[in-house]
């Protein structure tokens, strides 16, 4: 068995190269759940927050959810207009995760928020 394993991988690599594709493509198929790329300037500010948070860009954003570190949803906001502020003053001090969703309920990004 020790001698057959390297021969198996050599055979796979040879078959992959003869097909015109890289061996990595044959051994590891493309990811069925690709990571969505988001604009670099999509941020939650101010961080740390006291009473309100805002987004640097609201175009393409439909919803914001705030979760505690246990995963419980604490707040949910719908985006109705640009330059909107979201009240988080009633949340206890601590760390939160802010999930920003776009069209078709796809998660654009999740950012950490420190609430003071």
PDB file of N, CA and C in Angstrom:
ATOM      1  N   UNK A   1       0.824  -1.204   0.000  1.00  0.00           N
ATOM      2  CA  UNK A   1       0.000   0.000   0.000  1.00  0.00           C
ATOM      3  C   UNK A   1       0.863   1.262   0.000  1.00  0.00           C
ATOM      4  N   UNK A   2       2.024   1.178   0.660  1.00  0.00           N
ATOM      5  CA  UNK A   2       2.895   2.352   0.727  1.00  0.00           C
ATOM      6  C   UNK A   2       3.337   2.797  -0.661  1.00  0.00           C
ATOM      7  N   UNK A   3       3.551   1.842  -1.554  1.00  0.00           N
ATOM      8  CA  UNK A   3       4.084   2.180  -2.866  1.00  0.00           C
ATOM      9  C   UNK A   3       2.986   2.563  -3.859  1.00  0.00           C
ATOM     10  N   UNK A   4       1.755   2.187  -3.591  1.00  0.00           N
ATOM     11  CA  UNK A   4       0.688   2.480  -4.540  1.00  0.00           C
ATOM     12  C   UNK A   4       0.134   3.891  -4.381  1.00  0.00           C
ATOM     13  N   UNK A   5       0.203   4.463  -3.197  1.00  0.00           N
ATOM     14  CA  UNK A   5      -0.344   5.795  -2.975  1.00  0.00           C
ATOM     15  C   UNK A   5       0.363   6.857  -3.815  1.00  0.00           C
ATOM     16  N   UNK A   6       1.709   6.930  -3.823  1.00  0.00           N
ATOM     17  CA  UNK A   6       2.352   7.929  -4.696  1.00  0.00           C
ATOM     18  C   UNK A   6       2.049   7.699  -6.174  1.00  0.00           C
ATOM     19  N   UNK A   7       1.920   6.428  -6.588  1.00  0.00           N
ATOM     20  CA  UNK A   7       1.588   6.151  -7.978  1.00  0.00           C
ATOM     21  C   UNK A   7       0.189   6.626  -8.319  1.00  0.00           C
ATOM     22  N   UNK A   8      -0.724   6.524  -7.363  1.00  0.00           N
ATOM     23  CA  UNK A   8      -2.088   6.995  -7.573  1.00  0.00           C
ATOM     24  C   UNK A   8      -2.102   8.497  -7.838  1.00  0.00           C
ATOM     25  N   UNK A   9      -1.378   9.277  -7.008  1.00  0.00           N
ATOM     26  CA  UNK A   9      -1.339  10.723  -7.196  1.00  0.00           C
ATOM     27  C   UNK A   9      -0.621  11.103  -8.484  1.00  0.00           C
ATOM     28  N   UNK A  10       0.394  10.337  -8.868  1.00  0.00           N
ATOM     29  CA  UNK A  10       1.082  10.587 -10.130  1.00  0.00           C
ATOM     30  C   UNK A  10       0.134  10.329 -11.303  1.00  0.00           C
ATOM     31  N   UNK A  11      -0.663   9.289 -11.214  1.00  0.00           N
ATOM     32  CA  UNK A  11      -1.638   8.981 -12.251  1.00  0.00           C
ATOM     33  C   UNK A  11      -2.684  10.090 -12.367  1.00  0.00           C
ATOM     34  N   UNK A  12      -3.190  10.575 -11.230  1.00  0.00           N
ATOM     35  CA  UNK A  12      -4.185  11.659 -11.226  1.00  0.00           C
ATOM     36  C   UNK A  12      -3.592  12.914 -11.856  1.00  0.00           C
ATOM     37  N   UNK A  13      -2.367  13.255 -11.484  1.00  0.00           N
ATOM     38  CA  UNK A  13      -1.718  14.453 -12.027  1.00  0.00           C
ATOM     39  C   UNK A  13      -1.504  14.315 -13.530  1.00  0.00           C
ATOM     40  N   UNK A  14      -1.115  13.139 -13.990  1.00  0.00           N
ATOM     41  CA  UNK A  14      -0.886  12.923 -15.411  1.00  0.00           C
ATOM     42  C   UNK A  14      -2.191  13.034 -16.196  1.00  0.00           C
ATOM     43  N   UNK A  15      -3.246  12.434 -15.687  1.00  0.00           N
ATOM     44  CA  UNK A  15      -4.533  12.523 -16.361  1.00  0.00           C
ATOM     45  C   UNK A  15      -5.041  13.959 -16.403  1.00  0.00           C
ATOM     46  N   UNK A  16      -4.832  14.701 -15.330  1.00  0.00           N
ATOM     47  CA  UNK A  16      -5.296  16.086 -15.281  1.00  0.00           C
ATOM     48  C   UNK A  16      -4.534  16.955 -16.264  1.00  0.00           C
ATOM     49  N   UNK A  17      -3.214  16.760 -16.345  1.00  0.00           N
ATOM     50  CA  UNK A  17      -2.417  17.572 -17.262  1.00  0.00           C
ATOM     51  C   UNK A  17      -2.724  17.225 -18.708  1.00  0.00           C
ATOM     52  N   UNK A  18      -3.023  15.966 -18.969  1.00  0.00           N
ATOM     53  CA  UNK A  18      -3.335  15.599 -20.346  1.00  0.00           C
ATOM     54  C   UNK A  18      -4.680  16.160 -20.781  1.00  0.00           C
ATOM     55  N   UNK A  19      -5.548  16.436 -19.824  1.00  0.00           N
ATOM     56  CA  UNK A  19      -6.850  17.025 -20.159  1.00  0.00           C
ATOM     57  C   UNK A  19      -6.753  18.526 -20.365  1.00  0.00           C
ATOM     58  N   UNK A  20      -5.600  19.135 -20.060  1.00  0.00           N
ATOM     59  CA  UNK A  20      -5.419  20.562 -20.284  1.00  0.00           C
ATOM     60  C   UNK A  20      -5.808  21.427 -19.099  1.00  0.00           C
ATOM     61  N   UNK A  21      -6.046  20.833 -17.954  1.00  0.00           N
ATOM     62  CA  UNK A  21      -6.382  21.602 -16.761  1.00  0.00           C
ATOM     63  C   UNK A  21      -5.357  21.318 -15.689  1.00  0.00           C
ATOM     64  N   UNK A  22      -5.341  22.146 -14.685  1.00  0.00           N
ATOM     65  CA  UNK A  22      -4.383  21.967 -13.601  1.00  0.00           C
ATOM     66  C   UNK A  22      -4.802  20.797 -12.715  1.00  0.00           C
ATOM     67  N   UNK A  23      -3.842  20.118 -12.063  1.00  0.00           N
ATOM     68  CA  UNK A  23      -4.203  19.006 -11.189  1.00  0.00           C
ATOM     69  C   UNK A  23      -5.046  19.447  -9.994  1.00  0.00           C
ATOM     70  N   UNK A  24      -4.865  20.676  -9.548  1.00  0.00           N
ATOM     71  CA  UNK A  24      -5.651  21.162  -8.422  1.00  0.00           C
ATOM     72  C   UNK A  24      -7.125  21.250  -8.780  1.00  0.00           C
ATOM     73  N   UNK A  25      -7.406  21.574 -10.048  1.00  0.00           N
ATOM     74  CA  UNK A  25      -8.798  21.692 -10.481  1.00  0.00           C
ATOM     75  C   UNK A  25      -9.500  20.332 -10.440  1.00  0.00           C
ATOM     76  N   UNK A  26      -8.778  19.271 -10.810  1.00  0.00           N
ATOM     77  CA  UNK A  26      -9.376  17.939 -10.796  1.00  0.00           C
ATOM     78  C   UNK A  26      -9.514  17.408  -9.373  1.00  0.00           C
ATOM     79  N   UNK A  27      -8.531  17.670  -8.517  1.00  0.00           N
ATOM     80  CA  UNK A  27      -8.591  17.159  -7.155  1.00  0.00           C
ATOM     81  C   UNK A  27      -9.544  17.953  -6.283  1.00  0.00           C
ATOM     82  N   UNK A  28      -9.626  19.260  -6.498  1.00  0.00           N
ATOM     83  CA  UNK A  28     -10.470  20.135  -5.691  1.00  0.00           C
ATOM     84  C   UNK A  28     -11.393  20.911  -6.622  1.00  0.00           C
ATOM     85  N   UNK A  29     -12.654  20.491  -6.740  1.00  0.00           N
ATOM     86  CA  UNK A  29     -13.567  21.196  -7.644  1.00  0.00           C
ATOM     87  C   UNK A  29     -13.823  22.620  -7.169  1.00  0.00           C
ATOM     88  N   UNK A  30     -14.333  23.484  -8.034  1.00  0.00           N
ATOM     89  CA  UNK A  30     -14.606  24.877  -7.641  1.00  0.00           C
ATOM     90  C   UNK A  30     -15.575  24.932  -6.468  1.00  0.00           C
ATOM     91  N   UNK A  31     -15.420  25.939  -5.657  1.00  0.00           N
ATOM     92  CA  UNK A  31     -16.262  26.119  -4.473  1.00  0.00           C
ATOM     93  C   UNK A  31     -17.692  26.421  -4.911  1.00  0.00           C
ATOM     94  N   UNK A  32     -18.678  25.619  -4.449  1.00  0.00           N
ATOM     95  CA  UNK A  32     -20.057  25.898  -4.851  1.00  0.00           C
ATOM     96  C   UNK A  32     -20.640  27.131  -4.172  1.00  0.00           C
ATOM     97  N   UNK A  33     -19.996  27.625  -3.113  1.00  0.00           N
ATOM     98  CA  UNK A  33     -20.458  28.807  -2.395  1.00  0.00           C
ATOM     99  C   UNK A  33     -19.363  29.864  -2.413  1.00  0.00           C
ATOM    100  N   UNK A  34     -19.187  30.567  -3.515  1.00  0.00           N
ATOM    101  CA  UNK A  34     -18.108  31.555  -3.573  1.00  0.00           C
ATOM    102  C   UNK A  34     -18.374  32.711  -2.616  1.00  0.00           C
ATOM    103  N   UNK A  35     -17.304  33.285  -2.114  1.00  0.00           N
ATOM    104  CA  UNK A  35     -17.396  34.419  -1.204  1.00  0.00           C
ATOM    105  C   UNK A  35     -17.707  35.666  -2.010  1.00  0.00           C
ATOM    106  N   UNK A  36     -18.711  36.413  -1.570  1.00  0.00           N
ATOM    107  CA  UNK A  36     -19.062  37.647  -2.250  1.00  0.00           C
ATOM    108  C   UNK A  36     -18.047  38.722  -1.908  1.00  0.00           C
ATOM    109  N   UNK A  37     -17.619  39.442  -2.897  1.00  0.00           N
ATOM    110  CA  UNK A  37     -16.720  40.555  -2.637  1.00  0.00           C
ATOM    111  C   UNK A  37     -17.554  41.797  -2.395  1.00  0.00           C
ATOM    112  N   UNK A  38     -17.141  42.588  -1.437  1.00  0.00           N
ATOM    113  CA  UNK A  38     -17.871  43.798  -1.094  1.00  0.00           C
ATOM    114  C   UNK A  38     -16.982  44.999  -1.317  1.00  0.00           C
ATOM    115  N   UNK A  39     -17.586  46.155  -1.496  1.00  0.00           N
ATOM    116  CA  UNK A  39     -16.773  47.356  -1.615  1.00  0.00           C
ATOM    117  C   UNK A  39     -15.938  47.566  -0.352  1.00  0.00           C
ATOM    118  N   UNK A  40     -14.729  48.043  -0.536  1.00  0.00           N
ATOM    119  CA  UNK A  40     -13.819  48.246   0.580  1.00  0.00           C
ATOM    120  C   UNK A  40     -14.361  49.298   1.533  1.00  0.00           C
ATOM    121  N   UNK A  41     -15.118  50.268   1.031  1.00  0.00           N
ATOM    122  CA  UNK A  41     -15.561  51.369   1.872  1.00  0.00           C
ATOM    123  C   UNK A  41     -16.868  51.081   2.614  1.00  0.00           C
ATOM    124  N   UNK A  42     -17.389  49.877   2.565  1.00  0.00           N
ATOM    125  CA  UNK A  42     -18.605  49.536   3.295  1.00  0.00           C
ATOM    126  C   UNK A  42     -18.235  49.220   4.743  1.00  0.00           C
ATOM    127  N   UNK A  43     -18.383  50.209   5.609  1.00  0.00           N
ATOM    128  CA  UNK A  43     -17.994  50.088   7.015  1.00  0.00           C
ATOM    129  C   UNK A  43     -19.094  50.615   7.912  1.00  0.00           C
ATOM    130  N   UNK A  44     -19.072  50.130   9.142  1.00  0.00           N
ATOM    131  CA  UNK A  44     -19.959  50.627  10.193  1.00  0.00           C
ATOM    132  C   UNK A  44     -19.158  51.633  11.009  1.00  0.00           C
ATOM    133  N   UNK A  45     -19.724  52.797  11.245  1.00  0.00           N
ATOM    134  CA  UNK A  45     -19.038  53.813  12.040  1.00  0.00           C
ATOM    135  C   UNK A  45     -20.044  54.547  12.900  1.00  0.00           C
ATOM    136  N   UNK A  46     -19.719  55.215  13.956  1.00  0.00           N
ATOM    137  CA  UNK A  46     -18.420  55.200  14.634  1.00  0.00           C
ATOM    138  C   UNK A  46     -18.231  53.869  15.361  1.00  0.00           C
ATOM    139  N   UNK A  47     -17.013  53.506  15.535  1.00  0.00           N
ATOM    140  CA  UNK A  47     -16.687  52.290  16.256  1.00  0.00           C
ATOM    141  C   UNK A  47     -15.507  52.591  17.168  1.00  0.00           C
ATOM    142  N   UNK A  48     -15.695  52.677  18.443  1.00  0.00           N
ATOM    143  CA  UNK A  48     -16.828  52.259  19.266  1.00  0.00           C
ATOM    144  C   UNK A  48     -18.013  53.225  19.158  1.00  0.00           C
ATOM    145  N   UNK A  49     -19.200  52.655  19.297  1.00  0.00           N
ATOM    146  CA  UNK A  49     -20.443  53.425  19.188  1.00  0.00           C
ATOM    147  C   UNK A  49     -21.021  53.687  20.567  1.00  0.00           C
ATOM    148  N   UNK A  50     -21.781  54.774  20.669  1.00  0.00           N
ATOM    149  CA  UNK A  50     -22.449  55.101  21.932  1.00  0.00           C
ATOM    150  C   UNK A  50     -23.960  55.006  21.748  1.00  0.00           C
ATOM    151  N   UNK A  51     -24.527  55.813  20.862  1.00  0.00           N
ATOM    152  CA  UNK A  51     -25.974  55.816  20.658  1.00  0.00           C
ATOM    153  C   UNK A  51     -26.395  55.410  19.247  1.00  0.00           C
ATOM    154  N   UNK A  52     -25.660  55.833  18.229  1.00  0.00           N
ATOM    155  CA  UNK A  52     -26.048  55.596  16.841  1.00  0.00           C
ATOM    156  C   UNK A  52     -24.892  55.005  16.051  1.00  0.00           C
ATOM    157  N   UNK A  53     -25.239  54.218  15.037  1.00  0.00           N
ATOM    158  CA  UNK A  53     -24.253  53.760  14.056  1.00  0.00           C
ATOM    159  C   UNK A  53     -24.759  54.146  12.671  1.00  0.00           C
ATOM    160  N   UNK A  54     -23.848  54.223  11.730  1.00  0.00           N
ATOM    161  CA  UNK A  54     -24.165  54.538  10.341  1.00  0.00           C
ATOM    162  C   UNK A  54     -23.328  53.656   9.440  1.00  0.00           C
ATOM    163  N   UNK A  55     -23.657  53.668   8.157  1.00  0.00           N
ATOM    164  CA  UNK A  55     -22.881  52.959   7.150  1.00  0.00           C
ATOM    165  C   UNK A  55     -22.213  53.964   6.229  1.00  0.00           C
ATOM    166  N   UNK A  56     -21.015  53.634   5.762  1.00  0.00           N
ATOM    167  CA  UNK A  56     -20.339  54.529   4.830  1.00  0.00           C
ATOM    168  C   UNK A  56     -21.018  54.531   3.476  1.00  0.00           C
ATOM    169  N   UNK A  57     -21.685  53.434   3.119  1.00  0.00           N
ATOM    170  CA  UNK A  57     -22.369  53.329   1.840  1.00  0.00           C
ATOM    171  C   UNK A  57     -23.648  52.527   2.042  1.00  0.00           C
ATOM    172  N   UNK A  58     -24.777  53.046   1.557  1.00  0.00           N
ATOM    173  CA  UNK A  58     -26.042  52.333   1.721  1.00  0.00           C
ATOM    174  C   UNK A  58     -26.591  51.806   0.403  1.00  0.00           C
ATOM    175  N   UNK A  59     -25.955  52.133  -0.705  1.00  0.00           N
ATOM    176  CA  UNK A  59     -26.440  51.656  -1.991  1.00  0.00           C
ATOM    177  C   UNK A  59     -26.231  50.146  -2.080  1.00  0.00           C
ATOM    178  N   UNK A  60     -27.283  49.413  -2.396  1.00  0.00           N
ATOM    179  CA  UNK A  60     -27.206  47.963  -2.484  1.00  0.00           C
ATOM    180  C   UNK A  60     -27.437  47.250  -1.167  1.00  0.00           C
ATOM    181  N   UNK A  61     -27.628  48.017  -0.084  1.00  0.00           N
ATOM    182  CA  UNK A  61     -27.860  47.435   1.240  1.00  0.00           C
ATOM    183  C   UNK A  61     -29.349  47.488   1.537  1.00  0.00           C
ATOM    184  N   UNK A  62     -29.914  46.369   2.004  1.00  0.00           N
ATOM    185  CA  UNK A  62     -31.340  46.339   2.286  1.00  0.00           C
ATOM    186  C   UNK A  62     -31.648  46.193   3.771  1.00  0.00           C
ATOM    187  N   UNK A  63     -30.710  45.614   4.538  1.00  0.00           N
ATOM    188  CA  UNK A  63     -31.010  45.323   5.935  1.00  0.00           C
ATOM    189  C   UNK A  63     -29.727  45.248   6.750  1.00  0.00           C
ATOM    190  N   UNK A  64     -29.842  45.615   8.029  1.00  0.00           N
ATOM    191  CA  UNK A  64     -28.743  45.491   8.977  1.00  0.00           C
ATOM    192  C   UNK A  64     -29.265  44.724  10.174  1.00  0.00           C
ATOM    193  N   UNK A  65     -28.491  43.736  10.638  1.00  0.00           N
ATOM    194  CA  UNK A  65     -28.831  42.994  11.849  1.00  0.00           C
ATOM    195  C   UNK A  65     -27.665  43.104  12.815  1.00  0.00           C
ATOM    196  N   UNK A  66     -27.996  43.268  14.090  1.00  0.00           N
ATOM    197  CA  UNK A  66     -26.981  43.340  15.134  1.00  0.00           C
ATOM    198  C   UNK A  66     -27.160  42.104  16.015  1.00  0.00           C
ATOM    199  N   UNK A  67     -26.088  41.330  16.154  1.00  0.00           N
ATOM    200  CA  UNK A  67     -26.087  40.109  16.952  1.00  0.00           C
ATOM    201  C   UNK A  67     -25.133  40.265  18.132  1.00  0.00           C
ATOM    202  N   UNK A  68     -25.483  39.633  19.267  1.00  0.00           N
ATOM    203  CA  UNK A  68     -24.502  39.554  20.344  1.00  0.00           C
ATOM    204  C   UNK A  68     -23.538  38.417  20.017  1.00  0.00           C
ATOM    205  N   UNK A  69     -22.517  38.215  20.831  1.00  0.00           N
ATOM    206  CA  UNK A  69     -21.495  37.230  20.506  1.00  0.00           C
ATOM    207  C   UNK A  69     -21.968  35.797  20.703  1.00  0.00           C
ATOM    208  N   UNK A  70     -23.124  35.611  21.301  1.00  0.00           N
ATOM    209  CA  UNK A  70     -23.709  34.279  21.424  1.00  0.00           C
ATOM    210  C   UNK A  70     -24.481  33.930  20.154  1.00  0.00           C
ATOM    211  N   UNK A  71     -24.810  34.921  19.343  1.00  0.00           N
ATOM    212  CA  UNK A  71     -25.523  34.707  18.094  1.00  0.00           C
ATOM    213  C   UNK A  71     -26.982  35.109  18.139  1.00  0.00           C
ATOM    214  N   UNK A  72     -27.400  35.705  19.232  1.00  0.00           N
ATOM    215  CA  UNK A  72     -28.790  36.144  19.360  1.00  0.00           C
ATOM    216  C   UNK A  72     -28.969  37.483  18.641  1.00  0.00           C
ATOM    217  N   UNK A  73     -30.012  37.577  17.824  1.00  0.00           N
ATOM    218  CA  UNK A  73     -30.304  38.831  17.121  1.00  0.00           C
ATOM    219  C   UNK A  73     -30.830  39.844  18.126  1.00  0.00           C
ATOM    220  N   UNK A  74     -30.171  40.989  18.209  1.00  0.00           N
ATOM    221  CA  UNK A  74     -30.541  42.026  19.169  1.00  0.00           C
ATOM    222  C   UNK A  74     -31.321  43.168  18.509  1.00  0.00           C
ATOM    223  N   UNK A  75     -30.977  43.494  17.270  1.00  0.00           N
ATOM    224  CA  UNK A  75     -31.610  44.608  16.550  1.00  0.00           C
ATOM    225  C   UNK A  75     -31.691  44.252  15.076  1.00  0.00           C
ATOM    226  N   UNK A  76     -32.685  44.845  14.412  1.00  0.00           N
ATOM    227  CA  UNK A  76     -32.834  44.700  12.963  1.00  0.00           C
ATOM    228  C   UNK A  76     -33.281  46.041  12.409  1.00  0.00           C
ATOM    229  N   UNK A  77     -32.602  46.484  11.345  1.00  0.00           N
ATOM    230  CA  UNK A  77     -32.924  47.763  10.717  1.00  0.00           C
ATOM    231  C   UNK A  77     -33.115  47.560   9.222  1.00  0.00           C
ATOM    232  N   UNK A  78     -34.151  48.177   8.670  1.00  0.00           N
ATOM    233  CA  UNK A  78     -34.341  48.237   7.220  1.00  0.00           C
ATOM    234  C   UNK A  78     -33.776  49.556   6.717  1.00  0.00           C
ATOM    235  N   UNK A  79     -33.126  49.513   5.583  1.00  0.00           N
ATOM    236  CA  UNK A  79     -32.569  50.725   4.980  1.00  0.00           C
ATOM    237  C   UNK A  79     -33.681  51.400   4.189  1.00  0.00           C
ATOM    238  N   UNK A  80     -34.022  52.620   4.571  1.00  0.00           N
ATOM    239  CA  UNK A  80     -35.086  53.343   3.874  1.00  0.00           C
ATOM    240  C   UNK A  80     -34.559  54.527   3.073  1.00  0.00           C
ATOM    241  N   UNK A  81     -33.427  55.094   3.497  1.00  0.00           N
ATOM    242  CA  UNK A  81     -32.860  56.213   2.755  1.00  0.00           C
ATOM    243  C   UNK A  81     -31.363  56.292   3.044  1.00  0.00           C
ATOM    244  N   UNK A  82     -30.645  57.041   2.229  1.00  0.00           N
ATOM    245  CA  UNK A  82     -29.201  57.198   2.401  1.00  0.00           C
ATOM    246  C   UNK A  82     -28.899  58.045   3.629  1.00  0.00           C
ATOM    247  N   UNK A  83     -27.734  57.883   4.174  1.00  0.00           N
ATOM    248  CA  UNK A  83     -27.251  58.631   5.348  1.00  0.00           C
ATOM    249  C   UNK A  83     -28.153  58.426   6.565  1.00  0.00           C
ATOM    250  N   UNK A  84     -28.698  57.255   6.693  1.00  0.00           N
ATOM    251  CA  UNK A  84     -29.566  56.933   7.819  1.00  0.00           C
ATOM    252  C   UNK A  84     -28.724  56.534   9.034  1.00  0.00           C
ATOM    253  N   UNK A  85     -29.190  56.922  10.228  1.00  0.00           N
ATOM    254  CA  UNK A  85     -28.545  56.517  11.471  1.00  0.00           C
ATOM    255  C   UNK A  85     -29.413  55.462  12.145  1.00  0.00           C
ATOM    256  N   UNK A  86     -28.759  54.538  12.852  1.00  0.00           N
ATOM    257  CA  UNK A  86     -29.453  53.429  13.496  1.00  0.00           C
ATOM    258  C   UNK A  86     -29.173  53.477  14.989  1.00  0.00           C
ATOM    259  N   UNK A  87     -30.242  53.483  15.780  1.00  0.00           N
ATOM    260  CA  UNK A  87     -30.116  53.644  17.220  1.00  0.00           C
ATOM    261  C   UNK A  87     -29.717  52.332  17.888  1.00  0.00           C
ATOM    262  N   UNK A  88     -28.587  52.355  18.583  1.00  0.00           N
ATOM    263  CA  UNK A  88     -28.113  51.204  19.350  1.00  0.00           C
ATOM    264  C   UNK A  88     -27.870  51.591  20.804  1.00  0.00           C
ATOM    265  N   UNK A  89     -28.384  52.756  21.216  1.00  0.00           N
ATOM    266  CA  UNK A  89     -28.151  53.251  22.573  1.00  0.00           C
ATOM    267  C   UNK A  89     -28.781  52.391  23.648  1.00  0.00           C
ATOM    268  N   UNK A  90     -29.793  51.591  23.305  1.00  0.00           N
ATOM    269  CA  UNK A  90     -30.438  50.748  24.298  1.00  0.00           C
ATOM    270  C   UNK A  90     -29.759  49.390  24.478  1.00  0.00           C
ATOM    271  N   UNK A  91     -28.715  49.114  23.689  1.00  0.00           N
ATOM    272  CA  UNK A  91     -27.969  47.867  23.855  1.00  0.00           C
ATOM    273  C   UNK A  91     -26.978  47.993  25.004  1.00  0.00           C
ATOM    274  N   UNK A  92     -26.776  46.925  25.767  1.00  0.00           N
ATOM    275  CA  UNK A  92     -25.763  46.971  26.828  1.00  0.00           C
ATOM    276  C   UNK A  92     -24.357  47.123  26.246  1.00  0.00           C
ATOM    277  N   UNK A  93     -23.439  47.619  27.042  1.00  0.00           N
ATOM    278  CA  UNK A  93     -22.045  47.745  26.606  1.00  0.00           C
ATOM    279  C   UNK A  93     -21.495  46.368  26.287  1.00  0.00           C
ATOM    280  N   UNK A  94     -20.665  46.321  25.260  1.00  0.00           N
ATOM    281  CA  UNK A  94     -20.047  45.048  24.887  1.00  0.00           C
ATOM    282  C   UNK A  94     -19.736  44.980  23.409  1.00  0.00           C
ATOM    283  N   UNK A  95     -19.416  43.761  22.969  1.00  0.00           N
ATOM    284  CA  UNK A  95     -19.067  43.505  21.576  1.00  0.00           C
ATOM    285  C   UNK A  95     -20.277  42.928  20.853  1.00  0.00           C
ATOM    286  N   UNK A  96     -20.459  43.356  19.602  1.00  0.00           N
ATOM    287  CA  UNK A  96     -21.568  42.896  18.774  1.00  0.00           C
ATOM    288  C   UNK A  96     -21.060  42.628  17.361  1.00  0.00           C
ATOM    289  N   UNK A  97     -21.822  41.833  16.626  1.00  0.00           N
ATOM    290  CA  UNK A  97     -21.550  41.606  15.215  1.00  0.00           C
ATOM    291  C   UNK A  97     -22.655  42.267  14.415  1.00  0.00           C
ATOM    292  N   UNK A  98     -22.265  43.071  13.444  1.00  0.00           N
ATOM    293  CA  UNK A  98     -23.220  43.777  12.588  1.00  0.00           C
ATOM    294  C   UNK A  98     -23.181  43.103  11.219  1.00  0.00           C
ATOM    295  N   UNK A  99     -24.302  42.504  10.847  1.00  0.00           N
ATOM    296  CA  UNK A  99     -24.418  41.811   9.573  1.00  0.00           C
ATOM    297  C   UNK A  99     -25.145  42.721   8.590  1.00  0.00           C
ATOM    298  N   UNK A 100     -24.529  42.952   7.442  1.00  0.00           N
ATOM    299  CA  UNK A 100     -25.093  43.835   6.431  1.00  0.00           C
ATOM    300  C   UNK A 100     -25.526  42.980   5.253  1.00  0.00           C
ATOM    301  N   UNK A 101     -26.829  43.064   4.924  1.00  0.00           N
ATOM    302  CA  UNK A 101     -27.383  42.252   3.849  1.00  0.00           C
ATOM    303  C   UNK A 101     -27.749  43.118   2.654  1.00  0.00           C
ATOM    304  N   UNK A 102     -27.623  42.521   1.475  1.00  0.00           N
ATOM    305  CA  UNK A 102     -27.963  43.199   0.238  1.00  0.00           C
ATOM    306  C   UNK A 102     -29.193  42.598  -0.397  1.00  0.00           C
ATOM    307  N   UNK A 103     -29.264  42.708  -1.708  1.00  0.00           N
ATOM    308  CA  UNK A 103     -30.407  42.192  -2.449  1.00  0.00           C
ATOM    309  C   UNK A 103     -30.488  40.679  -2.308  1.00  0.00           C
ATOM    310  N   UNK A 104     -31.692  40.145  -2.405  1.00  0.00           N
ATOM    311  CA  UNK A 104     -31.958  38.712  -2.303  1.00  0.00           C
ATOM    312  C   UNK A 104     -31.488  38.113  -0.990  1.00  0.00           C
ATOM    313  N   UNK A 105     -31.420  38.937   0.049  1.00  0.00           N
ATOM    314  CA  UNK A 105     -31.068  38.487   1.400  1.00  0.00           C
ATOM    315  C   UNK A 105     -29.656  37.896   1.487  1.00  0.00           C
ATOM    316  N   UNK A 106     -28.749  38.343   0.629  1.00  0.00           N
ATOM    317  CA  UNK A 106     -27.364  37.869   0.652  1.00  0.00           C
ATOM    318  C   UNK A 106     -26.549  38.709   1.615  1.00  0.00           C
ATOM    319  N   UNK A 107     -25.719  38.052   2.410  1.00  0.00           N
ATOM    320  CA  UNK A 107     -24.865  38.753   3.368  1.00  0.00           C
ATOM    321  C   UNK A 107     -23.702  39.388   2.610  1.00  0.00           C
ATOM    322  N   UNK A 108     -23.584  40.712   2.727  1.00  0.00           N
ATOM    323  CA  UNK A 108     -22.487  41.423   2.077  1.00  0.00           C
ATOM    324  C   UNK A 108     -21.238  41.393   2.940  1.00  0.00           C
ATOM    325  N   UNK A 109     -21.407  41.657   4.224  1.00  0.00           N
ATOM    326  CA  UNK A 109     -20.282  41.640   5.150  1.00  0.00           C
ATOM    327  C   UNK A 109     -20.805  41.543   6.575  1.00  0.00           C
ATOM    328  N   UNK A 110     -19.951  41.103   7.457  1.00  0.00           N
ATOM    329  CA  UNK A 110     -20.234  41.090   8.888  1.00  0.00           C
ATOM    330  C   UNK A 110     -19.059  41.765   9.576  1.00  0.00           C
ATOM    331  N   UNK A 111     -19.361  42.771  10.406  1.00  0.00           N
ATOM    332  CA  UNK A 111     -18.305  43.534  11.065  1.00  0.00           C
ATOM    333  C   UNK A 111     -18.513  43.542  12.567  1.00  0.00           C
ATOM    334  N   UNK A 112     -17.416  43.649  13.271  1.00  0.00           N
ATOM    335  CA  UNK A 112     -17.449  43.711  14.727  1.00  0.00           C
ATOM    336  C   UNK A 112     -17.703  45.147  15.158  1.00  0.00           C
ATOM    337  N   UNK A 113     -18.519  45.289  16.193  1.00  0.00           N
ATOM    338  CA  UNK A 113     -18.859  46.616  16.717  1.00  0.00           C
ATOM    339  C   UNK A 113     -18.664  46.603  18.229  1.00  0.00           C
ATOM    340  N   UNK A 114     -17.970  47.592  18.731  1.00  0.00           N
ATOM    341  CA  UNK A 114     -17.805  47.759  20.167  1.00  0.00           C
ATOM    342  C   UNK A 114     -18.781  48.838  20.626  1.00  0.00           C
ATOM    343  N   UNK A 115     -19.657  48.480  21.548  1.00  0.00           N
ATOM    344  CA  UNK A 115     -20.659  49.421  22.064  1.00  0.00           C
ATOM    345  C   UNK A 115     -20.219  49.893  23.435  1.00  0.00           C
ATOM    346  N   UNK A 116     -20.147  51.213  23.610  1.00  0.00           N
ATOM    347  CA  UNK A 116     -19.756  51.789  24.908  1.00  0.00           C
ATOM    348  C   UNK A 116     -20.964  52.294  25.653  1.00  0.00           C
TER     349      UNK A 116
END
